[in-house]
Full PDB file with SEQRES, HELIX, SHEET, SSBOND, CRYST1, ORIGX, SCALE, CONECT and MASTER records, all heavy atoms in Angstrom:
SEQRES   1 A   41  ILE PHE VAL ILE GLY ALA MET ALA TRP TYR ARG GLN ALA          
SEQRES   2 A   41  PRO GLY LYS GLN ARG GLU LEU VAL ALA ARG ILE THR SER          
SEQRES   3 A   41  ASP GLY SER THR ASN TYR ALA ASP SER VAL LYS GLY ARG          
SEQRES   4 A   41  PHE THR                                                      
SHEET    1 AA1 3 MET A   7  ARG A  11  0                                        
SHEET    2 AA1 3 GLU A  19  ILE A  24 -1                                        
SHEET    3 AA1 3 THR A  30  TYR A  32 -1                                        
CRYST1    1.000    1.000    1.000  90.00  90.00  90.00 P 1           1          
ORIGX1      1.000000  0.000000  0.000000        0.00000                         
ORIGX2      0.000000  1.000000  0.000000        0.00000                         
ORIGX3      0.000000  0.000000  1.000000        0.00000                         
SCALE1      1.000000  0.000000  0.000000        0.00000                         
SCALE2      0.000000  1.000000  0.000000        0.00000                         
SCALE3      0.000000  0.000000  1.000000        0.00000                         
ATOM      1  N   ILE A   1     105.686  73.957 109.911  1.00  0.00           N  
ATOM      2  CA  ILE A   1     104.870  74.993 110.589  1.00  0.00           C  
ATOM      3  C   ILE A   1     104.709  74.542 112.057  1.00  0.00           C  
ATOM      4  O   ILE A   1     104.388  73.397 112.382  1.00  0.00           O  
ATOM      5  CB  ILE A   1     103.531  75.040 109.891  1.00  0.00           C  
ATOM      6  CG1 ILE A   1     103.697  75.544 108.476  1.00  0.00           C  
ATOM      7  CG2 ILE A   1     102.597  75.980 110.693  1.00  0.00           C  
ATOM      8  CD1 ILE A   1     102.415  75.502 107.642  1.00  0.00           C  
ATOM      9  N   PHE A   2     104.911  75.503 112.899  1.00  0.00           N  
ATOM     10  CA  PHE A   2     104.681  75.341 114.354  1.00  0.00           C  
ATOM     11  C   PHE A   2     103.588  76.322 114.869  1.00  0.00           C  
ATOM     12  O   PHE A   2     102.484  75.858 115.253  1.00  0.00           O  
ATOM     13  CB  PHE A   2     105.939  75.525 115.176  1.00  0.00           C  
ATOM     14  CG  PHE A   2     105.759  75.203 116.585  1.00  0.00           C  
ATOM     15  CD1 PHE A   2     105.383  73.959 117.057  1.00  0.00           C  
ATOM     16  CD2 PHE A   2     105.927  76.199 117.565  1.00  0.00           C  
ATOM     17  CE1 PHE A   2     105.195  73.665 118.384  1.00  0.00           C  
ATOM     18  CE2 PHE A   2     105.710  75.914 118.949  1.00  0.00           C  
ATOM     19  CZ  PHE A   2     105.360  74.644 119.343  1.00  0.00           C  
ATOM     20  N   VAL A   3     103.895  77.544 114.821  1.00  0.00           N  
ATOM     21  CA  VAL A   3     102.939  78.562 115.206  1.00  0.00           C  
ATOM     22  C   VAL A   3     102.899  79.740 114.186  1.00  0.00           C  
ATOM     23  O   VAL A   3     104.025  80.369 114.047  1.00  0.00           O  
ATOM     24  CB  VAL A   3     103.156  79.079 116.639  1.00  0.00           C  
ATOM     25  CG1 VAL A   3     102.201  80.238 116.941  1.00  0.00           C  
ATOM     26  CG2 VAL A   3     103.079  78.003 117.664  1.00  0.00           C  
ATOM     27  N   ILE A   4     101.805  79.925 113.534  1.00  0.00           N  
ATOM     28  CA  ILE A   4     101.653  81.097 112.711  1.00  0.00           C  
ATOM     29  C   ILE A   4     100.864  82.188 113.495  1.00  0.00           C  
ATOM     30  O   ILE A   4      99.819  81.926 113.925  1.00  0.00           O  
ATOM     31  CB  ILE A   4     100.954  80.725 111.376  1.00  0.00           C  
ATOM     32  CG1 ILE A   4     101.754  79.758 110.583  1.00  0.00           C  
ATOM     33  CG2 ILE A   4     100.679  82.024 110.569  1.00  0.00           C  
ATOM     34  CD1 ILE A   4     101.082  79.315 109.324  1.00  0.00           C  
ATOM     35  N   GLY A   5     101.464  83.326 113.554  1.00  0.00           N  
ATOM     36  CA  GLY A   5     100.810  84.458 114.271  1.00  0.00           C  
ATOM     37  C   GLY A   5      99.970  85.257 113.239  1.00  0.00           C  
ATOM     38  O   GLY A   5      99.154  84.700 112.444  1.00  0.00           O  
ATOM     39  N   ALA A   6     100.112  86.551 113.264  1.00  0.00           N  
ATOM     40  CA  ALA A   6      99.343  87.394 112.366  1.00  0.00           C  
ATOM     41  C   ALA A   6      99.735  87.111 110.928  1.00  0.00           C  
ATOM     42  O   ALA A   6     100.886  86.798 110.648  1.00  0.00           O  
ATOM     43  CB  ALA A   6      99.606  88.844 112.741  1.00  0.00           C  
ATOM     44  N   MET A   7      98.739  87.285 110.029  1.00  0.00           N  
ATOM     45  CA  MET A   7      98.995  87.179 108.633  1.00  0.00           C  
ATOM     46  C   MET A   7      98.384  88.452 107.991  1.00  0.00           C  
ATOM     47  O   MET A   7      97.523  89.101 108.584  1.00  0.00           O  
ATOM     48  CB  MET A   7      98.291  85.938 108.063  1.00  0.00           C  
ATOM     49  CG  MET A   7      98.785  84.648 108.684  1.00  0.00           C  
ATOM     50  SD  MET A   7      98.017  83.168 107.950  1.00  0.00           S  
ATOM     51  CE  MET A   7      98.951  83.073 106.412  1.00  0.00           C  
ATOM     52  N   ALA A   8      98.899  88.766 106.832  1.00  0.00           N  
ATOM     53  CA  ALA A   8      98.474  89.955 106.157  1.00  0.00           C  
ATOM     54  C   ALA A   8      98.651  89.927 104.653  1.00  0.00           C  
ATOM     55  O   ALA A   8      99.414  89.102 104.154  1.00  0.00           O  
ATOM     56  CB  ALA A   8      99.249  91.217 106.702  1.00  0.00           C  
ATOM     57  N   TRP A   9      97.891  90.721 104.029  1.00  0.00           N  
ATOM     58  CA  TRP A   9      98.025  90.943 102.572  1.00  0.00           C  
ATOM     59  C   TRP A   9      98.572  92.328 102.341  1.00  0.00           C  
ATOM     60  O   TRP A   9      98.070  93.322 102.835  1.00  0.00           O  
ATOM     61  CB  TRP A   9      96.709  90.769 101.839  1.00  0.00           C  
ATOM     62  CG  TRP A   9      96.168  89.439 101.699  1.00  0.00           C  
ATOM     63  CD1 TRP A   9      95.232  88.816 102.524  1.00  0.00           C  
ATOM     64  CD2 TRP A   9      96.580  88.397 100.801  1.00  0.00           C  
ATOM     65  NE1 TRP A   9      95.024  87.516 102.131  1.00  0.00           N  
ATOM     66  CE2 TRP A   9      95.857  87.264 101.023  1.00  0.00           C  
ATOM     67  CE3 TRP A   9      97.482  88.419  99.744  1.00  0.00           C  
ATOM     68  CZ2 TRP A   9      95.961  86.090 100.306  1.00  0.00           C  
ATOM     69  CZ3 TRP A   9      97.646  87.234  98.973  1.00  0.00           C  
ATOM     70  CH2 TRP A   9      96.871  86.114  99.290  1.00  0.00           C  
ATOM     71  N   TYR A  10      99.609  92.379 101.550  1.00  0.00           N  
ATOM     72  CA  TYR A  10     100.219  93.648 101.075  1.00  0.00           C  
ATOM     73  C   TYR A  10     100.062  93.664  99.566  1.00  0.00           C  
ATOM     74  O   TYR A  10      99.822  92.659  98.893  1.00  0.00           O  
ATOM     75  CB  TYR A  10     101.700  93.687 101.400  1.00  0.00           C  
ATOM     76  CG  TYR A  10     101.961  94.020 102.922  1.00  0.00           C  
ATOM     77  CD1 TYR A  10     101.854  92.978 103.824  1.00  0.00           C  
ATOM     78  CD2 TYR A  10     102.370  95.219 103.295  1.00  0.00           C  
ATOM     79  CE1 TYR A  10     102.107  93.227 105.170  1.00  0.00           C  
ATOM     80  CE2 TYR A  10     102.640  95.492 104.578  1.00  0.00           C  
ATOM     81  CZ  TYR A  10     102.548  94.454 105.539  1.00  0.00           C  
ATOM     82  OH  TYR A  10     102.782  94.715 106.900  1.00  0.00           O  
ATOM     83  N   ARG A  11     100.226  94.871  99.000  1.00  0.00           N  
ATOM     84  CA  ARG A  11     100.186  94.954  97.521  1.00  0.00           C  
ATOM     85  C   ARG A  11     101.178  95.997  97.118  1.00  0.00           C  
ATOM     86  O   ARG A  11     101.493  96.972  97.886  1.00  0.00           O  
ATOM     87  CB  ARG A  11      98.813  95.276  96.986  1.00  0.00           C  
ATOM     88  CG  ARG A  11      98.246  96.659  97.348  1.00  0.00           C  
ATOM     89  CD  ARG A  11      96.832  96.817  96.825  1.00  0.00           C  
ATOM     90  NE  ARG A  11      96.277  98.124  97.152  1.00  0.00           N  
ATOM     91  CZ  ARG A  11      95.005  98.463  96.963  1.00  0.00           C  
ATOM     92  NH1 ARG A  11      94.115  97.546  96.502  1.00  0.00           N  
ATOM     93  NH2 ARG A  11      94.595  99.674  97.251  1.00  0.00           N  
ATOM     94  N   GLN A  12     101.680  95.905  95.879  1.00  0.00           N  
ATOM     95  CA  GLN A  12     102.661  96.823  95.351  1.00  0.00           C  
ATOM     96  C   GLN A  12     102.291  97.061  93.887  1.00  0.00           C  
ATOM     97  O   GLN A  12     102.383  96.146  93.129  1.00  0.00           O  
ATOM     98  CB  GLN A  12     104.068  96.413  95.552  1.00  0.00           C  
ATOM     99  CG  GLN A  12     105.098  97.458  95.129  1.00  0.00           C  
ATOM    100  CD  GLN A  12     106.483  97.092  95.605  1.00  0.00           C  
ATOM    101  OE1 GLN A  12     106.791  95.874  95.822  1.00  0.00           O  
ATOM    102  NE2 GLN A  12     107.346  98.085  95.729  1.00  0.00           N  
ATOM    103  N   ALA A  13     101.926  98.318  93.586  1.00  0.00           N  
ATOM    104  CA  ALA A  13     101.724  98.711  92.190  1.00  0.00           C  
ATOM    105  C   ALA A  13     102.999  99.231  91.593  1.00  0.00           C  
ATOM    106  O   ALA A  13     103.927  99.654  92.338  1.00  0.00           O  
ATOM    107  CB  ALA A  13     100.634  99.766  92.184  1.00  0.00           C  
ATOM    108  N   PRO A  14     103.138  99.224  90.265  1.00  0.00           N  
ATOM    109  CA  PRO A  14     104.341  99.696  89.658  1.00  0.00           C  
ATOM    110  C   PRO A  14     104.668 101.121  90.068  1.00  0.00           C  
ATOM    111  O   PRO A  14     103.804 102.030  90.018  1.00  0.00           O  
ATOM    112  CB  PRO A  14     104.026  99.572  88.148  1.00  0.00           C  
ATOM    113  CG  PRO A  14     103.009  98.504  88.051  1.00  0.00           C  
ATOM    114  CD  PRO A  14     102.169  98.652  89.293  1.00  0.00           C  
ATOM    115  N   GLY A  15     105.908 101.316  90.508  1.00  0.00           N  
ATOM    116  CA  GLY A  15     106.323 102.706  90.877  1.00  0.00           C  
ATOM    117  C   GLY A  15     105.871 103.178  92.205  1.00  0.00           C  
ATOM    118  O   GLY A  15     106.097 104.307  92.583  1.00  0.00           O  
ATOM    119  N   LYS A  16     105.187 102.289  92.954  1.00  0.00           N  
ATOM    120  CA  LYS A  16     104.731 102.707  94.336  1.00  0.00           C  
ATOM    121  C   LYS A  16     105.319 101.798  95.340  1.00  0.00           C  
ATOM    122  O   LYS A  16     105.850 100.714  95.084  1.00  0.00           O  
ATOM    123  CB  LYS A  16     103.186 102.608  94.362  1.00  0.00           C  
ATOM    124  CG  LYS A  16     102.470 103.527  93.397  1.00  0.00           C  
ATOM    125  CD  LYS A  16     100.953 103.461  93.622  1.00  0.00           C  
ATOM    126  CE  LYS A  16     100.213 104.478  92.741  1.00  0.00           C  
ATOM    127  NZ  LYS A  16      98.768 104.381  92.926  1.00  0.00           N  
ATOM    128  N   GLN A  17     105.216 102.233  96.559  1.00  0.00           N  
ATOM    129  CA  GLN A  17     105.671 101.477  97.725  1.00  0.00           C  
ATOM    130  C   GLN A  17     104.721 100.394  98.019  1.00  0.00           C  
ATOM    131  O   GLN A  17     103.498 100.480  97.781  1.00  0.00           O  
ATOM    132  CB  GLN A  17     105.833 102.416  98.970  1.00  0.00           C  
ATOM    133  CG  GLN A  17     106.879 103.513  98.788  1.00  0.00           C  
ATOM    134  CD  GLN A  17     108.298 102.911  98.797  1.00  0.00           C  
ATOM    135  OE1 GLN A  17     108.574 101.933  99.335  1.00  0.00           O  
ATOM    136  NE2 GLN A  17     109.188 103.614  98.101  1.00  0.00           N  
ATOM    137  N   ARG A  18     105.249  99.304  98.648  1.00  0.00           N  
ATOM    138  CA  ARG A  18     104.338  98.259  99.099  1.00  0.00           C  
ATOM    139  C   ARG A  18     103.538  98.777 100.230  1.00  0.00           C  
ATOM    140  O   ARG A  18     104.000  99.447 101.175  1.00  0.00           O  
ATOM    141  CB  ARG A  18     105.226  97.035  99.550  1.00  0.00           C  
ATOM    142  CG  ARG A  18     104.367  95.802  99.937  1.00  0.00           C  
ATOM    143  CD  ARG A  18     105.278  94.639 100.193  1.00  0.00           C  
ATOM    144  NE  ARG A  18     106.073  94.262  99.045  1.00  0.00           N  
ATOM    145  CZ  ARG A  18     106.852  93.203  98.982  1.00  0.00           C  
ATOM    146  NH1 ARG A  18     106.907  92.367 100.022  1.00  0.00           N  
ATOM    147  NH2 ARG A  18     107.549  92.888  97.839  1.00  0.00           N  
ATOM    148  N   GLU A  19     102.255  98.444 100.225  1.00  0.00           N  
ATOM    149  CA  GLU A  19     101.298  98.933 101.222  1.00  0.00           C  
ATOM    150  C   GLU A  19     100.529  97.761 101.855  1.00  0.00           C  
ATOM    151  O   GLU A  19     100.232  96.784 101.188  1.00  0.00           O  
ATOM    152  CB  GLU A  19     100.348  99.992 100.655  1.00  0.00           C  
ATOM    153  CG  GLU A  19      99.409  99.440  99.593  1.00  0.00           C  
ATOM    154  CD  GLU A  19      98.325 100.409  99.155  1.00  0.00           C  
ATOM    155  OE1 GLU A  19      98.180 101.431  99.844  1.00  0.00           O  
ATOM    156  OE2 GLU A  19      97.672 100.163  98.111  1.00  0.00           O  
ATOM    157  N   LEU A  20     100.157  97.973 103.083  1.00  0.00           N  
ATOM    158  CA  LEU A  20      99.324  97.001 103.795  1.00  0.00           C  
ATOM    159  C   LEU A  20      97.906  97.117 103.287  1.00  0.00           C  
ATOM    160  O   LEU A  20      97.318  98.199 103.230  1.00  0.00           O  
ATOM    161  CB  LEU A  20      99.419  97.219 105.315  1.00  0.00           C  
ATOM    162  CG  LEU A  20      98.516  96.351 106.152  1.00  0.00           C  
ATOM    163  CD1 LEU A  20      98.917  94.908 106.049  1.00  0.00           C  
ATOM    164  CD2 LEU A  20      98.491  96.816 107.550  1.00  0.00           C  
ATOM    165  N   VAL A  21      97.306  95.978 102.911  1.00  0.00           N  
ATOM    166  CA  VAL A  21      95.974  95.912 102.463  1.00  0.00           C  
ATOM    167  C   VAL A  21      95.022  95.501 103.596  1.00  0.00           C  
ATOM    168  O   VAL A  21      93.985  96.132 103.892  1.00  0.00           O  
ATOM    169  CB  VAL A  21      95.812  94.979 101.286  1.00  0.00           C  
ATOM    170  CG1 VAL A  21      94.298  94.874 100.879  1.00  0.00           C  
ATOM    171  CG2 VAL A  21      96.659  95.446 100.093  1.00  0.00           C  
ATOM    172  N   ALA A  22      95.364  94.421 104.258  1.00  0.00           N  
ATOM    173  CA  ALA A  22      94.575  93.879 105.314  1.00  0.00           C  
ATOM    174  C   ALA A  22      95.403  92.963 106.197  1.00  0.00           C  
ATOM    175  O   ALA A  22      96.365  92.358 105.742  1.00  0.00           O  
ATOM    176  CB  ALA A  22      93.336  93.107 104.768  1.00  0.00           C  
ATOM    177  N   ARG A  23      95.038  92.879 107.405  1.00  0.00           N  
ATOM    178  CA  ARG A  23      95.753  92.112 108.380  1.00  0.00           C  
ATOM    179  C   ARG A  23      94.772  91.324 109.242  1.00  0.00           C  
ATOM    180  O   ARG A  23      93.711  91.791 109.570  1.00  0.00           O  
ATOM    181  CB  ARG A  23      96.624  93.010 109.236  1.00  0.00           C  
ATOM    182  CG  ARG A  23      97.450  92.339 110.341  1.00  0.00           C  
ATOM    183  CD  ARG A  23      98.297  93.323 111.086  1.00  0.00           C  
ATOM    184  NE  ARG A  23      99.059  92.746 112.118  1.00  0.00           N  
ATOM    185  CZ  ARG A  23      98.612  92.613 113.421  1.00  0.00           C  
ATOM    186  NH1 ARG A  23      97.407  93.035 113.803  1.00  0.00           N  
ATOM    187  NH2 ARG A  23      99.416  92.021 114.336  1.00  0.00           N  
ATOM    188  N   ILE A  24      95.194  90.050 109.637  1.00  0.00           N  
ATOM    189  CA  ILE A  24      94.347  89.286 110.500  1.00  0.00           C  
ATOM    190  C   ILE A  24      95.239  88.599 111.546  1.00  0.00           C  
ATOM    191  O   ILE A  24      96.262  87.996 111.174  1.00  0.00           O  
ATOM    192  CB  ILE A  24      93.455  88.330 109.650  1.00  0.00           C  
ATOM    193  CG1 ILE A  24      92.521  87.561 110.583  1.00  0.00           C  
ATOM    194  CG2 ILE A  24      94.334  87.382 108.844  1.00  0.00           C  
ATOM    195  CD1 ILE A  24      91.465  86.779 109.776  1.00  0.00           C  
ATOM    196  N   THR A  25      94.813  88.636 112.758  1.00  0.00           N  
ATOM    197  CA  THR A  25      95.570  87.981 113.816  1.00  0.00           C  
ATOM    198  C   THR A  25      95.156  86.555 113.823  1.00  0.00           C  
ATOM    199  O   THR A  25      94.214  86.047 113.199  1.00  0.00           O  
ATOM    200  CB  THR A  25      95.260  88.649 115.146  1.00  0.00           C  
ATOM    201  OG1 THR A  25      93.930  88.395 115.545  1.00  0.00           O  
ATOM    202  CG2 THR A  25      95.600  90.105 115.119  1.00  0.00           C  
ATOM    203  N   SER A  26      95.864  85.768 114.723  1.00  0.00           N  
ATOM    204  CA  SER A  26      95.628  84.350 114.781  1.00  0.00           C  
ATOM    205  C   SER A  26      94.194  84.021 115.327  1.00  0.00           C  
ATOM    206  O   SER A  26      93.643  82.974 115.096  1.00  0.00           O  
ATOM    207  CB  SER A  26      96.605  83.626 115.674  1.00  0.00           C  
ATOM    208  OG  SER A  26      96.661  84.238 117.034  1.00  0.00           O  
ATOM    209  N   ASP A  27      93.618  84.970 116.098  1.00  0.00           N  
ATOM    210  CA  ASP A  27      92.299  84.729 116.653  1.00  0.00           C  
ATOM    211  C   ASP A  27      91.177  85.510 115.868  1.00  0.00           C  
ATOM    212  O   ASP A  27      90.056  85.629 116.308  1.00  0.00           O  
ATOM    213  CB  ASP A  27      92.214  85.119 118.085  1.00  0.00           C  
ATOM    214  CG  ASP A  27      92.557  86.583 118.392  1.00  0.00           C  
ATOM    215  OD1 ASP A  27      92.852  87.283 117.486  1.00  0.00           O  
ATOM    216  OD2 ASP A  27      92.510  86.960 119.574  1.00  0.00           O  
ATOM    217  N   GLY A  28      91.525  86.079 114.737  1.00  0.00           N  
ATOM    218  CA  GLY A  28      90.578  86.587 113.817  1.00  0.00           C  
ATOM    219  C   GLY A  28      90.294  88.077 113.814  1.00  0.00           C  
ATOM    220  O   GLY A  28      89.456  88.572 113.114  1.00  0.00           O  
ATOM    221  N   SER A  29      91.014  88.881 114.610  1.00  0.00           N  
ATOM    222  CA  SER A  29      90.938  90.300 114.580  1.00  0.00           C  
ATOM    223  C   SER A  29      91.498  90.893 113.240  1.00  0.00           C  
ATOM    224  O   SER A  29      92.516  90.401 112.798  1.00  0.00           O  
ATOM    225  CB  SER A  29      91.637  90.876 115.765  1.00  0.00           C  
ATOM    226  OG  SER A  29      91.528  92.316 115.757  1.00  0.00           O  
ATOM    227  N   THR A  30      90.776  91.774 112.642  1.00  0.00           N  
ATOM    228  CA  THR A  30      91.164  92.300 111.335  1.00  0.00           C  
ATOM    229  C   THR A  30      91.360  93.785 111.284  1.00  0.00           C  
ATOM    230  O   THR A  30      90.791  94.545 112.091  1.00  0.00           O  
ATOM    231  CB  THR A  30      90.085  91.892 110.274  1.00  0.00           C  
ATOM    232  OG1 THR A  30      88.853  92.500 110.654  1.00  0.00           O  
ATOM    233  CG2 THR A  30      89.937  90.368 110.215  1.00  0.00           C  
ATOM    234  N   ASN A  31      92.159  94.179 110.364  1.00  0.00           N  
ATOM    235  CA  ASN A  31      92.365  95.579 110.040  1.00  0.00           C  
ATOM    236  C   ASN A  31      92.448  95.758 108.525  1.00  0.00           C  
ATOM    237  O   ASN A  31      93.008  94.894 107.848  1.00  0.00           O  
ATOM    238  CB  ASN A  31      93.624  96.096 110.661  1.00  0.00           C  
ATOM    239  CG  ASN A  31      93.698  96.049 112.159  1.00  0.00           C  
ATOM    240  OD1 ASN A  31      94.292  95.148 112.732  1.00  0.00           O  
ATOM    241  ND2 ASN A  31      93.023  97.004 112.841  1.00  0.00           N  
ATOM    242  N   TYR A  32      91.971  96.866 108.029  1.00  0.00           N  
ATOM    243  CA  TYR A  32      91.891  97.086 106.583  1.00  0.00           C  
ATOM    244  C   TYR A  32      92.449  98.475 106.240  1.00  0.00           C  
ATOM    245  O   TYR A  32      92.278  99.462 107.008  1.00  0.00           O  
ATOM    246  CB  TYR A  32      90.529  96.966 106.011  1.00  0.00           C  
ATOM    247  CG  TYR A  32      89.919  95.638 106.126  1.00  0.00           C  
ATOM    248  CD1 TYR A  32      89.166  95.237 107.264  1.00  0.00           C  
ATOM    249  CD2 TYR A  32      90.068  94.694 105.148  1.00  0.00           C  
ATOM    250  CE1 TYR A  32      88.553  94.024 107.343  1.00  0.00           C  
ATOM    251  CE2 TYR A  32      89.509  93.393 105.239  1.00  0.00           C  
ATOM    252  CZ  TYR A  32      88.772  93.107 106.326  1.00  0.00           C  
ATOM    253  OH  TYR A  32      88.220  91.833 106.421  1.00  0.00           O  
ATOM    254  N   ALA A  33      93.113  98.612 105.123  1.00  0.00           N  
ATOM    255  CA  ALA A  33      93.418  99.922 104.620  1.00  0.00           C  
ATOM    256  C   ALA A  33      92.134 100.624 104.217  1.00  0.00           C  
ATOM    257  O   ALA A  33      91.163 100.017 103.851  1.00  0.00           O  
ATOM    258  CB  ALA A  33      94.346  99.786 103.373  1.00  0.00           C  
ATOM    259  N   ASP A  34      92.135 101.943 104.458  1.00  0.00           N  
ATOM    260  CA  ASP A  34      90.957 102.711 104.116  1.00  0.00           C  
ATOM    261  C   ASP A  34      90.468 102.520 102.717  1.00  0.00           C  
ATOM    262  O   ASP A  34      89.290 102.510 102.406  1.00  0.00           O  
ATOM    263  CB  ASP A  34      91.149 104.184 104.438  1.00  0.00           C  
ATOM    264  CG  ASP A  34      91.257 104.478 105.896  1.00  0.00           C  
ATOM    265  OD1 ASP A  34      90.800 103.658 106.718  1.00  0.00           O  
ATOM    266  OD2 ASP A  34      91.809 105.586 106.261  1.00  0.00           O  
ATOM    267  N   SER A  35      91.434 102.343 101.781  1.00  0.00           N  
ATOM    268  CA  SER A  35      91.059 102.255 100.405  1.00  0.00           C  
ATOM    269  C   SER A  35      90.308 100.986  99.978  1.00  0.00           C  
ATOM    270  O   SER A  35      89.718 100.928  98.994  1.00  0.00           O  
ATOM    271  CB  SER A  35      92.361 102.337  99.507  1.00  0.00           C  
ATOM    272  OG  SER A  35      93.237 101.287  99.922  1.00  0.00           O  
ATOM    273  N   VAL A  36      90.363  99.943 100.868  1.00  0.00           N  
ATOM    274  CA  VAL A  36      89.700  98.696 100.553  1.00  0.00           C  
ATOM    275  C   VAL A  36      88.600  98.379 101.479  1.00  0.00           C  
ATOM    276  O   VAL A  36      87.869  97.401 101.363  1.00  0.00           O  
ATOM    277  CB  VAL A  36      90.710  97.554 100.477  1.00  0.00           C  
ATOM    278  CG1 VAL A  36      91.870  97.892  99.529  1.00  0.00           C  
ATOM    279  CG2 VAL A  36      91.210  97.177 101.876  1.00  0.00           C  
ATOM    280  N   LYS A  37      88.462  99.171 102.570  1.00  0.00           N  
ATOM    281  CA  LYS A  37      87.470  98.893 103.603  1.00  0.00           C  
ATOM    282  C   LYS A  37      86.080  98.862 102.985  1.00  0.00           C  
ATOM    283  O   LYS A  37      85.699  99.762 102.282  1.00  0.00           O  
ATOM    284  CB  LYS A  37      87.595  99.951 104.701  1.00  0.00           C  
ATOM    285  CG  LYS A  37      86.931  99.561 106.040  1.00  0.00           C  
ATOM    286  CD  LYS A  37      87.285 100.558 107.075  1.00  0.00           C  
ATOM    287  CE  LYS A  37      88.788 100.640 107.307  1.00  0.00           C  
ATOM    288  NZ  LYS A  37      89.160 101.571 108.384  1.00  0.00           N  
ATOM    289  N   GLY A  38      85.334  97.813 103.343  1.00  0.00           N  
ATOM    290  CA  GLY A  38      83.984  97.672 102.791  1.00  0.00           C  
ATOM    291  C   GLY A  38      83.930  96.909 101.468  1.00  0.00           C  
ATOM    292  O   GLY A  38      82.884  96.476 101.044  1.00  0.00           O  
ATOM    293  N   ARG A  39      85.064  96.674 100.861  1.00  0.00           N  
ATOM    294  CA  ARG A  39      85.151  95.972  99.618  1.00  0.00           C  
ATOM    295  C   ARG A  39      85.905  94.687  99.724  1.00  0.00           C  
ATOM    296  O   ARG A  39      85.580  93.681  99.018  1.00  0.00           O  
ATOM    297  CB  ARG A  39      85.805  96.792  98.520  1.00  0.00           C  
ATOM    298  CG  ARG A  39      85.077  98.083  98.184  1.00  0.00           C  
ATOM    299  CD  ARG A  39      85.667  98.822  97.008  1.00  0.00           C  
ATOM    300  NE  ARG A  39      87.114  99.228  97.231  1.00  0.00           N  
ATOM    301  CZ  ARG A  39      88.116  98.743  96.498  1.00  0.00           C  
ATOM    302  NH1 ARG A  39      87.841  97.934  95.475  1.00  0.00           N  
ATOM    303  NH2 ARG A  39      89.324  99.150  96.715  1.00  0.00           N  
ATOM    304  N   PHE A  40      86.936  94.642 100.528  1.00  0.00           N  
ATOM    305  CA  PHE A  40      87.745  93.462 100.718  1.00  0.00           C  
ATOM    306  C   PHE A  40      87.489  92.808 102.090  1.00  0.00           C  
ATOM    307  O   PHE A  40      87.210  93.494 103.047  1.00  0.00           O  
ATOM    308  CB  PHE A  40      89.278  93.781 100.654  1.00  0.00           C  
ATOM    309  CG  PHE A  40      89.765  94.230  99.296  1.00  0.00           C  
ATOM    310  CD1 PHE A  40      88.907  94.488  98.268  1.00  0.00           C  
ATOM    311  CD2 PHE A  40      91.124  94.371  99.130  1.00  0.00           C  
ATOM    312  CE1 PHE A  40      89.376  94.863  97.009  1.00  0.00           C  
ATOM    313  CE2 PHE A  40      91.593  94.763  97.908  1.00  0.00           C  
ATOM    314  CZ  PHE A  40      90.743  94.985  96.808  1.00  0.00           C  
ATOM    315  N   THR A  41      87.620  91.471 102.137  1.00  0.00           N  
ATOM    316  CA  THR A  41      87.431  90.768 103.364  1.00  0.00           C  
ATOM    317  C   THR A  41      88.580  89.777 103.529  1.00  0.00           C  
ATOM    318  O   THR A  41      88.750  88.932 102.693  1.00  0.00           O  
ATOM    319  CB  THR A  41      86.087  90.068 103.415  1.00  0.00           C  
ATOM    320  OG1 THR A  41      85.004  90.921 103.217  1.00  0.00           O  
ATOM    321  CG2 THR A  41      85.932  89.323 104.772  1.00  0.00           C  
TER     322      THR A  41                                                      
MASTER        0    0    0    0    3    0    0    6  321    1    0    4          
END                                                                             
């Protein structure tokens, strides 16, 4: 490991496309899918 930039969680349900769940930058900025906003951190 040298430099890790943004990290993210994706998920894939059977028969569905992989989707972005949440993303976090190296300095802590976050984004969430609407479906998990308020429930996931």
